[in-house]
């Protein structure tokens, strides 16, 4: 489980993002929609 991550910008600015109280729940599939744009090839490596 990812607990957080750091971002370092090109100008040296640093930001830290930390996740608390993470709940592992499966969201409803109706919340997501994936539409492949014209001219794009998807390389599904599942």
N, C-alpha and C. Protein backbone atom coordinates (compact mmCIF):
# COMPACT_ATOMS: atom_id res chain seq x y z
N UNK A 1 0.85 -1.18 0.00
CA UNK A 1 0.00 0.00 0.00
C UNK A 1 0.90 1.24 0.00
N UNK A 2 0.63 2.13 -0.92
CA UNK A 2 1.37 3.38 -0.98
C UNK A 2 0.95 4.24 0.21
N UNK A 3 1.92 4.70 0.98
CA UNK A 3 1.63 5.53 2.14
C UNK A 3 1.88 7.00 1.87
N UNK A 4 2.55 7.31 0.75
CA UNK A 4 2.82 8.69 0.40
C UNK A 4 3.85 8.76 -0.71
N UNK A 5 4.17 9.97 -1.13
CA UNK A 5 5.18 10.16 -2.16
C UNK A 5 5.74 11.57 -2.07
N UNK A 6 6.93 11.75 -2.63
CA UNK A 6 7.60 13.05 -2.67
C UNK A 6 7.68 13.51 -4.12
N UNK A 7 7.57 14.81 -4.32
CA UNK A 7 7.71 15.42 -5.64
C UNK A 7 8.82 16.45 -5.55
N UNK A 8 9.78 16.36 -6.47
CA UNK A 8 10.85 17.36 -6.53
C UNK A 8 10.75 18.04 -7.89
N UNK A 9 10.46 19.33 -7.88
CA UNK A 9 10.31 20.10 -9.11
C UNK A 9 11.68 20.46 -9.68
N UNK A 10 11.69 20.89 -10.93
CA UNK A 10 12.95 21.26 -11.60
C UNK A 10 13.65 22.41 -10.89
N UNK A 11 12.87 23.28 -10.24
CA UNK A 11 13.48 24.42 -9.54
C UNK A 11 13.95 24.05 -8.13
N UNK A 12 13.82 22.77 -7.76
CA UNK A 12 14.28 22.31 -6.47
C UNK A 12 13.21 22.28 -5.38
N UNK A 13 12.05 22.86 -5.66
CA UNK A 13 10.97 22.85 -4.68
C UNK A 13 10.53 21.41 -4.42
N UNK A 14 10.33 21.07 -3.16
CA UNK A 14 9.94 19.72 -2.79
C UNK A 14 8.59 19.74 -2.09
N UNK A 15 7.77 18.75 -2.42
CA UNK A 15 6.47 18.59 -1.77
C UNK A 15 6.34 17.13 -1.35
N UNK A 16 5.78 16.91 -0.17
CA UNK A 16 5.56 15.55 0.32
C UNK A 16 4.07 15.36 0.52
N UNK A 17 3.54 14.28 -0.02
CA UNK A 17 2.13 13.93 0.11
C UNK A 17 2.05 12.64 0.91
N UNK A 18 1.30 12.65 2.00
CA UNK A 18 1.18 11.48 2.86
C UNK A 18 -0.30 11.12 2.99
N UNK A 19 -0.59 9.83 2.86
CA UNK A 19 -1.96 9.34 2.96
C UNK A 19 -2.20 8.78 4.36
N UNK A 20 -3.34 9.13 4.95
CA UNK A 20 -3.71 8.64 6.28
C UNK A 20 -5.06 7.95 6.20
N UNK A 21 -5.29 6.99 7.07
CA UNK A 21 -6.58 6.30 7.18
C UNK A 21 -7.03 5.74 5.84
N UNK A 22 -6.13 5.06 5.15
CA UNK A 22 -6.44 4.49 3.84
C UNK A 22 -7.41 3.32 4.02
N UNK A 23 -8.48 3.30 3.25
CA UNK A 23 -9.46 2.22 3.28
C UNK A 23 -9.43 1.52 1.93
N UNK A 24 -9.26 0.22 1.95
CA UNK A 24 -9.21 -0.56 0.72
C UNK A 24 -10.62 -1.01 0.37
N UNK A 25 -11.28 -0.23 -0.48
CA UNK A 25 -12.63 -0.55 -0.91
C UNK A 25 -12.65 -0.56 -2.43
N UNK A 26 -13.41 -1.46 -2.99
CA UNK A 26 -13.55 -1.52 -4.44
C UNK A 26 -14.64 -0.54 -4.86
N UNK A 27 -14.30 0.46 -5.67
CA UNK A 27 -15.32 1.41 -6.12
C UNK A 27 -16.25 0.76 -7.15
N UNK A 28 -17.43 1.31 -7.27
CA UNK A 28 -18.39 0.81 -8.25
C UNK A 28 -17.86 1.06 -9.65
N UNK A 29 -17.99 0.07 -10.52
CA UNK A 29 -17.49 0.22 -11.89
C UNK A 29 -18.22 1.34 -12.63
N UNK A 30 -19.41 1.71 -12.18
CA UNK A 30 -20.16 2.79 -12.82
C UNK A 30 -19.49 4.15 -12.61
N UNK A 31 -18.51 4.23 -11.70
CA UNK A 31 -17.81 5.49 -11.46
C UNK A 31 -16.72 5.75 -12.49
N UNK A 32 -16.43 4.77 -13.32
CA UNK A 32 -15.33 4.89 -14.26
C UNK A 32 -15.79 4.69 -15.69
N UNK A 33 -15.20 5.48 -16.59
CA UNK A 33 -15.48 5.33 -18.01
C UNK A 33 -14.17 5.58 -18.75
N UNK A 34 -13.78 4.64 -19.60
CA UNK A 34 -12.54 4.77 -20.35
C UNK A 34 -12.88 4.76 -21.82
N UNK A 35 -12.58 5.86 -22.50
CA UNK A 35 -12.82 5.98 -23.93
C UNK A 35 -11.49 6.19 -24.62
N UNK A 36 -11.16 5.31 -25.54
CA UNK A 36 -9.89 5.40 -26.26
C UNK A 36 -10.03 6.45 -27.36
N UNK A 37 -9.18 7.48 -27.34
CA UNK A 37 -9.25 8.51 -28.38
C UNK A 37 -8.88 7.94 -29.75
N UNK A 38 -9.40 8.54 -30.80
CA UNK A 38 -9.06 8.12 -32.16
C UNK A 38 -7.56 8.21 -32.37
N UNK A 39 -7.00 7.22 -33.04
CA UNK A 39 -5.58 7.23 -33.36
C UNK A 39 -4.68 6.72 -32.25
N UNK A 40 -5.26 6.26 -31.14
CA UNK A 40 -4.46 5.78 -30.02
C UNK A 40 -4.54 4.27 -29.96
N UNK A 41 -3.39 3.62 -29.77
CA UNK A 41 -3.34 2.17 -29.61
C UNK A 41 -3.05 1.87 -28.14
N UNK A 42 -3.88 1.04 -27.52
CA UNK A 42 -3.69 0.67 -26.13
C UNK A 42 -2.90 -0.63 -26.06
N UNK A 43 -1.83 -0.62 -25.28
CA UNK A 43 -1.00 -1.81 -25.08
C UNK A 43 -1.36 -2.40 -23.72
N UNK A 44 -2.37 -3.26 -23.70
CA UNK A 44 -2.87 -3.84 -22.45
C UNK A 44 -1.99 -5.01 -22.05
N UNK A 45 -1.19 -4.83 -21.02
CA UNK A 45 -0.24 -5.87 -20.61
C UNK A 45 -0.66 -6.54 -19.31
N UNK A 46 -1.97 -6.64 -19.11
CA UNK A 46 -2.44 -7.33 -17.89
C UNK A 46 -2.09 -8.78 -17.93
